Amino acid sequence: MMNRIQRNASQWANLIEAQKQSDLNIKEYCQQNVLTTSNFYAWRKRLKTVKVEPISALNNELEIQADWLKLDLDAKPAIKKWDIELHLPNGCILKMNQA
């Protein structure tokens, strides 16, 4: 049984760019890199609508930089009550609070 590899948009952008730079057609490139052609075409279509740069275009090294903050779940909360309001692009508003 083959393990599935989860790739993010930047990784797919790298793969699509690498295929363009190669002398291989999409079918050959996918076979060589153990990709399904259906996923390749789906991601290529998806990335055309959303501008995602290949990681190598963002920096010369192929490393992912995350802007995440570490959350210490063992710490005692300093705030007893909180309200969060998230405005989504489709006009929905998600409201959460703790009394």
PDB file of N, CA and C in Angstrom:
ATOM      1  N   MET A   1       0.847  -1.188   0.000  1.00  0.00           N
ATOM      2  CA  MET A   1       0.000   0.000   0.000  1.00  0.00           C
ATOM      3  C   MET A   1       0.890   1.249   0.000  1.00  0.00           C
ATOM      4  N   MET A   2       0.601   2.187  -0.881  1.00  0.00           N
ATOM      5  CA  MET A   2       1.407   3.392  -0.997  1.00  0.00           C
ATOM      6  C   MET A   2       0.881   4.482  -0.053  1.00  0.00           C
ATOM      7  N   ASN A   3       1.803   5.140   0.644  1.00  0.00           N
ATOM      8  CA  ASN A   3       1.426   6.248   1.514  1.00  0.00           C
ATOM      9  C   ASN A   3       1.129   7.481   0.673  1.00  0.00           C
ATOM     10  N   ARG A   4       0.090   8.204   1.050  1.00  0.00           N
ATOM     11  CA  ARG A   4      -0.243   9.444   0.355  1.00  0.00           C
ATOM     12  C   ARG A   4       0.613  10.571   0.885  1.00  0.00           C
ATOM     13  N   ILE A   5       1.084  11.398  -0.020  1.00  0.00           N
ATOM     14  CA  ILE A   5       1.873  12.560   0.359  1.00  0.00           C
ATOM     15  C   ILE A   5       0.975  13.785   0.244  1.00  0.00           C
ATOM     16  N   GLN A   6       0.856  14.524   1.328  1.00  0.00           N
ATOM     17  CA  GLN A   6       0.069  15.756   1.331  1.00  0.00           C
ATOM     18  C   GLN A   6       0.979  16.913   0.943  1.00  0.00           C
ATOM     19  N   ARG A   7       0.617  17.639  -0.092  1.00  0.00           N
ATOM     20  CA  ARG A   7       1.408  18.790  -0.544  1.00  0.00           C
ATOM     21  C   ARG A   7       0.557  20.048  -0.423  1.00  0.00           C
ATOM     22  N   ASN A   8       1.229  21.158  -0.087  1.00  0.00           N
ATOM     23  CA  ASN A   8       0.517  22.433  -0.014  1.00  0.00           C
ATOM     24  C   ASN A   8       0.608  23.144  -1.370  1.00  0.00           C
ATOM     25  N   ALA A   9      -0.023  24.293  -1.461  1.00  0.00           N
ATOM     26  CA  ALA A   9      -0.089  25.025  -2.730  1.00  0.00           C
ATOM     27  C   ALA A   9       1.296  25.427  -3.231  1.00  0.00           C
ATOM     28  N   SER A  10       2.183  25.837  -2.347  1.00  0.00           N
ATOM     29  CA  SER A  10       3.532  26.230  -2.770  1.00  0.00           C
ATOM     30  C   SER A  10       4.309  25.042  -3.320  1.00  0.00           C
ATOM     31  N   GLN A  11       4.140  23.889  -2.702  1.00  0.00           N
ATOM     32  CA  GLN A  11       4.818  22.691  -3.197  1.00  0.00           C
ATOM     33  C   GLN A  11       4.301  22.309  -4.583  1.00  0.00           C
ATOM     34  N   TRP A  12       2.977  22.416  -4.786  1.00  0.00           N
ATOM     35  CA  TRP A  12       2.421  22.129  -6.107  1.00  0.00           C
ATOM     36  C   TRP A  12       2.885  23.157  -7.128  1.00  0.00           C
ATOM     37  N   ALA A  13       2.977  24.408  -6.716  1.00  0.00           N
ATOM     38  CA  ALA A  13       3.483  25.446  -7.622  1.00  0.00           C
ATOM     39  C   ALA A  13       4.918  25.117  -8.043  1.00  0.00           C
ATOM     40  N   ASN A  14       5.730  24.612  -7.114  1.00  0.00           N
ATOM     41  CA  ASN A  14       7.101  24.194  -7.435  1.00  0.00           C
ATOM     42  C   ASN A  14       7.094  23.052  -8.445  1.00  0.00           C
ATOM     43  N   LEU A  15       6.233  22.060  -8.221  1.00  0.00           N
ATOM     44  CA  LEU A  15       6.171  20.918  -9.129  1.00  0.00           C
ATOM     45  C   LEU A  15       5.723  21.337 -10.530  1.00  0.00           C
ATOM     46  N   ILE A  16       4.736  22.202 -10.598  1.00  0.00           N
ATOM     47  CA  ILE A  16       4.227  22.660 -11.893  1.00  0.00           C
ATOM     48  C   ILE A  16       5.292  23.463 -12.624  1.00  0.00           C
ATOM     49  N   GLU A  17       6.005  24.314 -11.895  1.00  0.00           N
ATOM     50  CA  GLU A  17       7.088  25.092 -12.496  1.00  0.00           C
ATOM     51  C   GLU A  17       8.226  24.183 -12.961  1.00  0.00           C
ATOM     52  N   ALA A  18       8.543  23.173 -12.157  1.00  0.00           N
ATOM     53  CA  ALA A  18       9.615  22.234 -12.523  1.00  0.00           C
ATOM     54  C   ALA A  18       9.245  21.458 -13.786  1.00  0.00           C
ATOM     55  N   GLN A  19       7.974  21.110 -13.928  1.00  0.00           N
ATOM     56  CA  GLN A  19       7.550  20.408 -15.149  1.00  0.00           C
ATOM     57  C   GLN A  19       7.724  21.299 -16.363  1.00  0.00           C
ATOM     58  N   LYS A  20       7.385  22.579 -16.230  1.00  0.00           N
ATOM     59  CA  LYS A  20       7.552  23.514 -17.347  1.00  0.00           C
ATOM     60  C   LYS A  20       9.020  23.614 -17.759  1.00  0.00           C
ATOM     61  N   GLN A  21       9.923  23.575 -16.764  1.00  0.00           N
ATOM     62  CA  GLN A  21      11.352  23.711 -17.030  1.00  0.00           C
ATOM     63  C   GLN A  21      11.958  22.411 -17.576  1.00  0.00           C
ATOM     64  N   SER A  22      11.280  21.298 -17.368  1.00  0.00           N
ATOM     65  CA  SER A  22      11.814  20.009 -17.812  1.00  0.00           C
ATOM     66  C   SER A  22      11.507  19.791 -19.293  1.00  0.00           C
ATOM     67  N   ASP A  23      12.121  18.790 -19.849  1.00  0.00           N
ATOM     68  CA  ASP A  23      11.850  18.400 -21.234  1.00  0.00           C
ATOM     69  C   ASP A  23      10.763  17.340 -21.306  1.00  0.00           C
ATOM     70  N   LEU A  24      10.093  17.084 -20.204  1.00  0.00           N
ATOM     71  CA  LEU A  24       9.085  16.029 -20.133  1.00  0.00           C
ATOM     72  C   LEU A  24       7.687  16.604 -20.312  1.00  0.00           C
ATOM     73  N   ASN A  25       6.815  15.809 -20.925  1.00  0.00           N
ATOM     74  CA  ASN A  25       5.412  16.223 -20.944  1.00  0.00           C
ATOM     75  C   ASN A  25       4.808  15.904 -19.580  1.00  0.00           C
ATOM     76  N   ILE A  26       3.583  16.318 -19.351  1.00  0.00           N
ATOM     77  CA  ILE A  26       2.971  16.171 -18.026  1.00  0.00           C
ATOM     78  C   ILE A  26       2.865  14.711 -17.613  1.00  0.00           C
ATOM     79  N   LYS A  27       2.464  13.851 -18.513  1.00  0.00           N
ATOM     80  CA  LYS A  27       2.332  12.432 -18.181  1.00  0.00           C
ATOM     81  C   LYS A  27       3.680  11.842 -17.767  1.00  0.00           C
ATOM     82  N   GLU A  28       4.724  12.114 -18.528  1.00  0.00           N
ATOM     83  CA  GLU A  28       6.057  11.603 -18.209  1.00  0.00           C
ATOM     84  C   GLU A  28       6.564  12.172 -16.882  1.00  0.00           C
ATOM     85  N   TYR A  29       6.359  13.486 -16.692  1.00  0.00           N
ATOM     86  CA  TYR A  29       6.811  14.148 -15.461  1.00  0.00           C
ATOM     87  C   TYR A  29       6.109  13.543 -14.243  1.00  0.00           C
ATOM     88  N   CYS A  30       4.806  13.320 -14.355  1.00  0.00           N
ATOM     89  CA  CYS A  30       4.047  12.750 -13.243  1.00  0.00           C
ATOM     90  C   CYS A  30       4.513  11.326 -12.933  1.00  0.00           C
ATOM     91  N   GLN A  31       4.755  10.529 -13.963  1.00  0.00           N
ATOM     92  CA  GLN A  31       5.243   9.168 -13.737  1.00  0.00           C
ATOM     93  C   GLN A  31       6.608   9.196 -13.046  1.00  0.00           C
ATOM     94  N   GLN A  32       7.478  10.071 -13.494  1.00  0.00           N
ATOM     95  CA  GLN A  32       8.823  10.163 -12.937  1.00  0.00           C
ATOM     96  C   GLN A  32       8.812  10.644 -11.488  1.00  0.00           C
ATOM     97  N   ASN A  33       7.837  11.486 -11.129  1.00  0.00           N
ATOM     98  CA  ASN A  33       7.771  12.066  -9.789  1.00  0.00           C
ATOM     99  C   ASN A  33       6.676  11.473  -8.918  1.00  0.00           C
ATOM    100  N   VAL A  34       6.124  10.350  -9.338  1.00  0.00           N
ATOM    101  CA  VAL A  34       5.080   9.629  -8.603  1.00  0.00           C
ATOM    102  C   VAL A  34       3.918  10.558  -8.242  1.00  0.00           C
ATOM    103  N   LEU A  35       3.374  11.199  -9.269  1.00  0.00           N
ATOM    104  CA  LEU A  35       2.216  12.078  -9.129  1.00  0.00           C
ATOM    105  C   LEU A  35       1.101  11.540 -10.011  1.00  0.00           C
ATOM    106  N   THR A  36      -0.132  11.786  -9.613  1.00  0.00           N
ATOM    107  CA  THR A  36      -1.226  11.438 -10.510  1.00  0.00           C
ATOM    108  C   THR A  36      -1.467  12.620 -11.441  1.00  0.00           C
ATOM    109  N   THR A  37      -1.726  12.314 -12.704  1.00  0.00           N
ATOM    110  CA  THR A  37      -1.947  13.399 -13.663  1.00  0.00           C
ATOM    111  C   THR A  37      -3.213  14.175 -13.305  1.00  0.00           C
ATOM    112  N   SER A  38      -4.202  13.495 -12.739  1.00  0.00           N
ATOM    113  CA  SER A  38      -5.441  14.199 -12.369  1.00  0.00           C
ATOM    114  C   SER A  38      -5.172  15.254 -11.291  1.00  0.00           C
ATOM    115  N   ASN A  39      -4.345  14.913 -10.287  1.00  0.00           N
ATOM    116  CA  ASN A  39      -3.984  15.904  -9.270  1.00  0.00           C
ATOM    117  C   ASN A  39      -3.158  17.036  -9.868  1.00  0.00           C
ATOM    118  N   PHE A  40      -2.247  16.694 -10.776  1.00  0.00           N
ATOM    119  CA  PHE A  40      -1.412  17.712 -11.405  1.00  0.00           C
ATOM    120  C   PHE A  40      -2.281  18.737 -12.135  1.00  0.00           C
ATOM    121  N   TYR A  41      -3.208  18.237 -12.976  1.00  0.00           N
ATOM    122  CA  TYR A  41      -4.087  19.144 -13.718  1.00  0.00           C
ATOM    123  C   TYR A  41      -5.004  19.937 -12.787  1.00  0.00           C
ATOM    124  N   ALA A  42      -5.515  19.282 -11.739  1.00  0.00           N
ATOM    125  CA  ALA A  42      -6.411  19.973 -10.800  1.00  0.00           C
ATOM    126  C   ALA A  42      -5.676  21.101 -10.084  1.00  0.00           C
ATOM    127  N   TRP A  43      -4.439  20.825  -9.626  1.00  0.00           N
ATOM    128  CA  TRP A  43      -3.679  21.869  -8.943  1.00  0.00           C
ATOM    129  C   TRP A  43      -3.254  22.966  -9.902  1.00  0.00           C
ATOM    130  N   ARG A  44      -2.923  22.617 -11.140  1.00  0.00           N
ATOM    131  CA  ARG A  44      -2.549  23.640 -12.114  1.00  0.00           C
ATOM    132  C   ARG A  44      -3.723  24.578 -12.362  1.00  0.00           C
ATOM    133  N   LYS A  45      -4.922  24.013 -12.469  1.00  0.00           N
ATOM    134  CA  LYS A  45      -6.121  24.831 -12.667  1.00  0.00           C
ATOM    135  C   LYS A  45      -6.394  25.694 -11.434  1.00  0.00           C
ATOM    136  N   ARG A  46      -6.286  25.090 -10.254  1.00  0.00           N
ATOM    137  CA  ARG A  46      -6.532  25.820  -9.003  1.00  0.00           C
ATOM    138  C   ARG A  46      -5.552  26.974  -8.828  1.00  0.00           C
ATOM    139  N   LEU A  47      -4.294  26.732  -9.147  1.00  0.00           N
ATOM    140  CA  LEU A  47      -3.277  27.760  -8.940  1.00  0.00           C
ATOM    141  C   LEU A  47      -3.348  28.869  -9.985  1.00  0.00           C
ATOM    142  N   LYS A  48      -4.025  28.620 -11.111  1.00  0.00           N
ATOM    143  CA  LYS A  48      -4.222  29.690 -12.095  1.00  0.00           C
ATOM    144  C   LYS A  48      -5.179  30.750 -11.553  1.00  0.00           C
ATOM    145  N   THR A  49      -6.135  30.328 -10.730  1.00  0.00           N
ATOM    146  CA  THR A  49      -7.116  31.270 -10.200  1.00  0.00           C
ATOM    147  C   THR A  49      -6.597  32.000  -8.968  1.00  0.00           C
ATOM    148  N   VAL A  50      -5.666  31.379  -8.236  1.00  0.00           N
ATOM    149  CA  VAL A  50      -5.076  31.985  -7.048  1.00  0.00           C
ATOM    150  C   VAL A  50      -3.585  32.092  -7.287  1.00  0.00           C
ATOM    151  N   LYS A  51      -3.045  33.284  -7.124  1.00  0.00           N
ATOM    152  CA  LYS A  51      -1.621  33.502  -7.388  1.00  0.00           C
ATOM    153  C   LYS A  51      -0.789  32.953  -6.236  1.00  0.00           C
ATOM    154  N   VAL A  52      -0.119  31.824  -6.486  1.00  0.00           N
ATOM    155  CA  VAL A  52       0.782  31.226  -5.508  1.00  0.00           C
ATOM    156  C   VAL A  52       2.133  31.086  -6.169  1.00  0.00           C
ATOM    157  N   GLU A  53       3.131  31.710  -5.588  1.00  0.00           N
ATOM    158  CA  GLU A  53       4.487  31.641  -6.129  1.00  0.00           C
ATOM    159  C   GLU A  53       5.156  30.345  -5.677  1.00  0.00           C
ATOM    160  N   PRO A  54       5.966  29.745  -6.540  1.00  0.00           N
ATOM    161  CA  PRO A  54       6.775  28.617  -6.081  1.00  0.00           C
ATOM    162  C   PRO A  54       7.683  29.075  -4.946  1.00  0.00           C
ATOM    163  N   ILE A  55       7.983  28.205  -4.025  1.00  0.00           N
ATOM    164  CA  ILE A  55       8.814  28.550  -2.878  1.00  0.00           C
ATOM    165  C   ILE A  55      10.155  29.093  -3.341  1.00  0.00           C
ATOM    166  N   SER A  56      10.717  28.495  -4.398  1.00  0.00           N
ATOM    167  CA  SER A  56      12.025  28.937  -4.878  1.00  0.00           C
ATOM    168  C   SER A  56      11.968  30.364  -5.411  1.00  0.00           C
ATOM    169  N   ALA A  57      10.792  30.819  -5.836  1.00  0.00           N
ATOM    170  CA  ALA A  57      10.658  32.199  -6.291  1.00  0.00           C
ATOM    171  C   ALA A  57      10.601  33.162  -5.107  1.00  0.00           C
ATOM    172  N   LEU A  58      10.146  32.676  -3.965  1.00  0.00           N
ATOM    173  CA  LEU A  58      10.058  33.520  -2.785  1.00  0.00           C
ATOM    174  C   LEU A  58      11.417  33.691  -2.115  1.00  0.00           C
ATOM    175  N   ASN A  59      12.179  32.631  -2.094  1.00  0.00           N
ATOM    176  CA  ASN A  59      13.547  32.695  -1.580  1.00  0.00           C
ATOM    177  C   ASN A  59      14.360  31.627  -2.298  1.00  0.00           C
ATOM    178  N   ASN A  60      15.638  31.799  -2.358  1.00  0.00           N
ATOM    179  CA  ASN A  60      16.479  30.889  -3.123  1.00  0.00           C
ATOM    180  C   ASN A  60      16.579  29.511  -2.494  1.00  0.00           C
ATOM    181  N   GLU A  61      16.341  29.400  -1.210  1.00  0.00           N
ATOM    182  CA  GLU A  61      16.379  28.119  -0.539  1.00  0.00           C
ATOM    183  C   GLU A  61      14.984  27.521  -0.538  1.00  0.00           C
ATOM    184  N   LEU A  62      14.907  26.190  -0.659  1.00  0.00           N
ATOM    185  CA  LEU A  62      13.617  25.514  -0.660  1.00  0.00           C
ATOM    186  C   LEU A  62      13.220  25.166   0.771  1.00  0.00           C
ATOM    187  N   GLU A  63      12.836  26.167   1.506  1.00  0.00           N
ATOM    188  CA  GLU A  63      12.381  25.946   2.866  1.00  0.00           C
ATOM    189  C   GLU A  63      11.092  26.720   3.080  1.00  0.00           C
ATOM    190  N   ILE A  64      10.233  26.150   3.880  1.00  0.00           N
ATOM    191  CA  ILE A  64       8.950  26.785   4.171  1.00  0.00           C
ATOM    192  C   ILE A  64       9.095  27.584   5.453  1.00  0.00           C
ATOM    193  N   GLN A  65       8.710  28.831   5.397  1.00  0.00           N
ATOM    194  CA  GLN A  65       8.765  29.667   6.585  1.00  0.00           C
ATOM    195  C   GLN A  65       7.346  29.896   7.072  1.00  0.00           C
ATOM    196  N   ALA A  66       7.131  29.587   8.321  1.00  0.00           N
ATOM    197  CA  ALA A  66       5.794  29.722   8.887  1.00  0.00           C
ATOM    198  C   ALA A  66       5.744  30.921   9.830  1.00  0.00           C
ATOM    199  N   ASP A  67       4.631  31.616   9.792  1.00  0.00           N
ATOM    200  CA  ASP A  67       4.403  32.751  10.683  1.00  0.00           C
ATOM    201  C   ASP A  67       3.421  32.345  11.778  1.00  0.00           C
ATOM    202  N   TRP A  68       3.675  31.212  12.396  1.00  0.00           N
ATOM    203  CA  TRP A  68       2.813  30.692  13.437  1.00  0.00           C
ATOM    204  C   TRP A  68       3.396  31.033  14.797  1.00  0.00           C
ATOM    205  N   LEU A  69       2.524  31.238  15.742  1.00  0.00           N
ATOM    206  CA  LEU A  69       2.937  31.472  17.116  1.00  0.00           C
ATOM    207  C   LEU A  69       2.734  30.192  17.907  1.00  0.00           C
ATOM    208  N   LYS A  70       3.655  29.914  18.814  1.00  0.00           N
ATOM    209  CA  LYS A  70       3.525  28.740  19.655  1.00  0.00           C
ATOM    210  C   LYS A  70       2.444  29.007  20.703  1.00  0.00           C
ATOM    211  N   LEU A  71       1.580  28.050  20.880  1.00  0.00           N
ATOM    212  CA  LEU A  71       0.495  28.161  21.845  1.00  0.00           C
ATOM    213  C   LEU A  71       0.790  27.237  23.011  1.00  0.00           C
ATOM    214  N   ASP A  72       0.954  27.799  24.189  1.00  0.00           N
ATOM    215  CA  ASP A  72       1.239  27.021  25.386  1.00  0.00           C
ATOM    216  C   ASP A  72      -0.089  26.662  26.041  1.00  0.00           C
ATOM    217  N   LEU A  73      -0.516  25.417  25.878  1.00  0.00           N
ATOM    218  CA  LEU A  73      -1.813  25.002  26.398  1.00  0.00           C
ATOM    219  C   LEU A  73      -1.788  24.721  27.898  1.00  0.00           C
ATOM    220  N   ASP A  74      -0.600  24.623  28.480  1.00  0.00           N
ATOM    221  CA  ASP A  74      -0.491  24.372  29.913  1.00  0.00           C
ATOM    222  C   ASP A  74      -0.541  25.654  30.735  1.00  0.00           C
ATOM    223  N   ALA A  75      -0.418  26.788  30.089  1.00  0.00           N
ATOM    224  CA  ALA A  75      -0.389  28.073  30.807  1.00  0.00           C
ATOM    225  C   ALA A  75      -1.782  28.417  31.316  1.00  0.00           C
ATOM    226  N   LYS A  76      -1.830  29.103  32.420  1.00  0.00           N
ATOM    227  CA  LYS A  76      -3.097  29.573  32.987  1.00  0.00           C
ATOM    228  C   LYS A  76      -3.574  30.766  32.165  1.00  0.00           C
ATOM    229  N   PRO A  77      -4.829  30.786  31.768  1.00  0.00           N
ATOM    230  CA  PRO A  77      -5.308  31.913  30.967  1.00  0.00           C
ATOM    231  C   PRO A  77      -5.324  33.204  31.779  1.00  0.00           C
ATOM    232  N   ALA A  78      -4.791  34.261  31.170  1.00  0.00           N
ATOM    233  CA  ALA A  78      -4.773  35.567  31.830  1.00  0.00           C
ATOM    234  C   ALA A  78      -6.124  36.260  31.686  1.00  0.00           C
ATOM    235  N   ILE A  79      -6.868  35.885  30.672  1.00  0.00           N
ATOM    236  CA  ILE A  79      -8.153  36.516  30.401  1.00  0.00           C
ATOM    237  C   ILE A  79      -9.254  35.487  30.645  1.00  0.00           C
ATOM    238  N   LYS A  80     -10.214  35.843  31.450  1.00  0.00           N
ATOM    239  CA  LYS A  80     -11.313  34.924  31.776  1.00  0.00           C
ATOM    240  C   LYS A  80     -12.413  34.959  30.708  1.00  0.00           C
ATOM    241  N   LYS A  81     -12.602  36.123  30.084  1.00  0.00           N
ATOM    242  CA  LYS A  81     -13.672  36.276  29.105  1.00  0.00           C
ATOM    243  C   LYS A  81     -13.064  36.752  27.795  1.00  0.00           C
ATOM    244  N   TRP A  82     -13.518  36.178  26.685  1.00  0.00           N
ATOM    245  CA  TRP A  82     -13.021  36.611  25.390  1.00  0.00           C
ATOM    246  C   TRP A  82     -14.142  36.587  24.365  1.00  0.00           C
ATOM    247  N   ASP A  83     -14.015  37.450  23.374  1.00  0.00           N
ATOM    248  CA  ASP A  83     -14.949  37.533  22.252  1.00  0.00           C
ATOM    249  C   ASP A  83     -14.131  37.559  20.968  1.00  0.00           C
ATOM    250  N   ILE A  84     -14.514  36.728  20.031  1.00  0.00           N
ATOM    251  CA  ILE A  84     -13.840  36.699  18.722  1.00  0.00           C
ATOM    252  C   ILE A  84     -14.914  36.826  17.652  1.00  0.00           C
ATOM    253  N   GLU A  85     -14.656  37.685  16.683  1.00  0.00           N
ATOM    254  CA  GLU A  85     -15.563  37.851  15.547  1.00  0.00           C
ATOM    255  C   GLU A  85     -14.737  37.718  14.281  1.00  0.00           C
ATOM    256  N   LEU A  86     -15.079  36.728  13.456  1.00  0.00           N
ATOM    257  CA  LEU A  86     -14.336  36.445  12.235  1.00  0.00           C
ATOM    258  C   LEU A  86     -15.225  36.740  11.035  1.00  0.00           C
ATOM    259  N   HIS A  87     -14.804  37.686  10.192  1.00  0.00           N
ATOM    260  CA  HIS A  87     -15.547  38.053   8.996  1.00  0.00           C
ATOM    261  C   HIS A  87     -14.987  37.272   7.817  1.00  0.00           C
ATOM    262  N   LEU A  88     -15.789  36.398   7.251  1.00  0.00           N
ATOM    263  CA  LEU A  88     -15.358  35.547   6.147  1.00  0.00           C
ATOM    264  C   LEU A  88     -15.619  36.227   4.807  1.00  0.00           C
ATOM    265  N   PRO A  89     -14.857  35.859   3.764  1.00  0.00           N
ATOM    266  CA  PRO A  89     -14.982  36.526   2.464  1.00  0.00           C
ATOM    267  C   PRO A  89     -16.382  36.436   1.846  1.00  0.00           C
ATOM    268  N   ASN A  90     -17.139  35.380   2.171  1.00  0.00           N
ATOM    269  CA  ASN A  90     -18.464  35.237   1.568  1.00  0.00           C
ATOM    270  C   ASN A  90     -19.541  36.035   2.302  1.00  0.00           C
ATOM    271  N   GLY A  91     -19.123  36.864   3.267  1.00  0.00           N
ATOM    272  CA  GLY A  91     -20.066  37.707   3.985  1.00  0.00           C
ATOM    273  C   GLY A  91     -20.544  37.120   5.306  1.00  0.00           C
ATOM    274  N   CYS A  92     -20.216  35.871   5.571  1.00  0.00           N
ATOM    275  CA  CYS A  92     -20.602  35.245   6.837  1.00  0.00           C
ATOM    276  C   CYS A  92     -19.743  35.804   7.968  1.00  0.00           C
ATOM    277  N   ILE A  93     -20.332  35.875   9.129  1.00  0.00           N
ATOM    278  CA  ILE A  93     -19.617  36.331  10.306  1.00  0.00           C
ATOM    279  C   ILE A  93     -19.708  35.219  11.355  1.00  0.00           C
ATOM    280  N   LEU A  94     -18.556  34.789  11.835  1.00  0.00           N
ATOM    281  CA  LEU A  94     -18.480  33.753  12.862  1.00  0.00           C
ATOM    282  C   LEU A  94     -18.148  34.449  14.175  1.00  0.00           C
ATOM    283  N   LYS A  95     -19.051  34.296  15.169  1.00  0.00           N
ATOM    284  CA  LYS A  95     -18.848  34.922  16.475  1.00  0.00           C
ATOM    285  C   LYS A  95     -18.667  33.825  17.522  1.00  0.00           C
ATOM    286  N   MET A  96     -17.610  34.001  18.335  1.00  0.00           N
ATOM    287  CA  MET A  96     -17.334  33.063  19.435  1.00  0.00           C
ATOM    288  C   MET A  96     -17.032  33.873  20.672  1.00  0.00           C
ATOM    289  N   ASN A  97     -17.481  33.356  21.811  1.00  0.00           N
ATOM    290  CA  ASN A  97     -17.169  34.048  23.062  1.00  0.00           C
ATOM    291  C   ASN A  97     -17.160  33.075  24.217  1.00  0.00           C
ATOM    292  N   GLN A  98     -16.532  33.501  25.291  1.00  0.00           N
ATOM    293  CA  GLN A  98     -16.501  32.726  26.514  1.00  0.00           C
ATOM    294  C   GLN A  98     -16.907  33.650  27.640  1.00  0.00           C
ATOM    295  N   ALA A  99     -17.923  33.263  28.373  1.00  0.00           N
ATOM    296  CA  ALA A  99     -18.415  34.098  29.459  1.00  0.00           C
ATOM    297  C   ALA A  99     -17.637  33.885  30.729  1.00  0.00           C
TER     298      ALA A  99
END
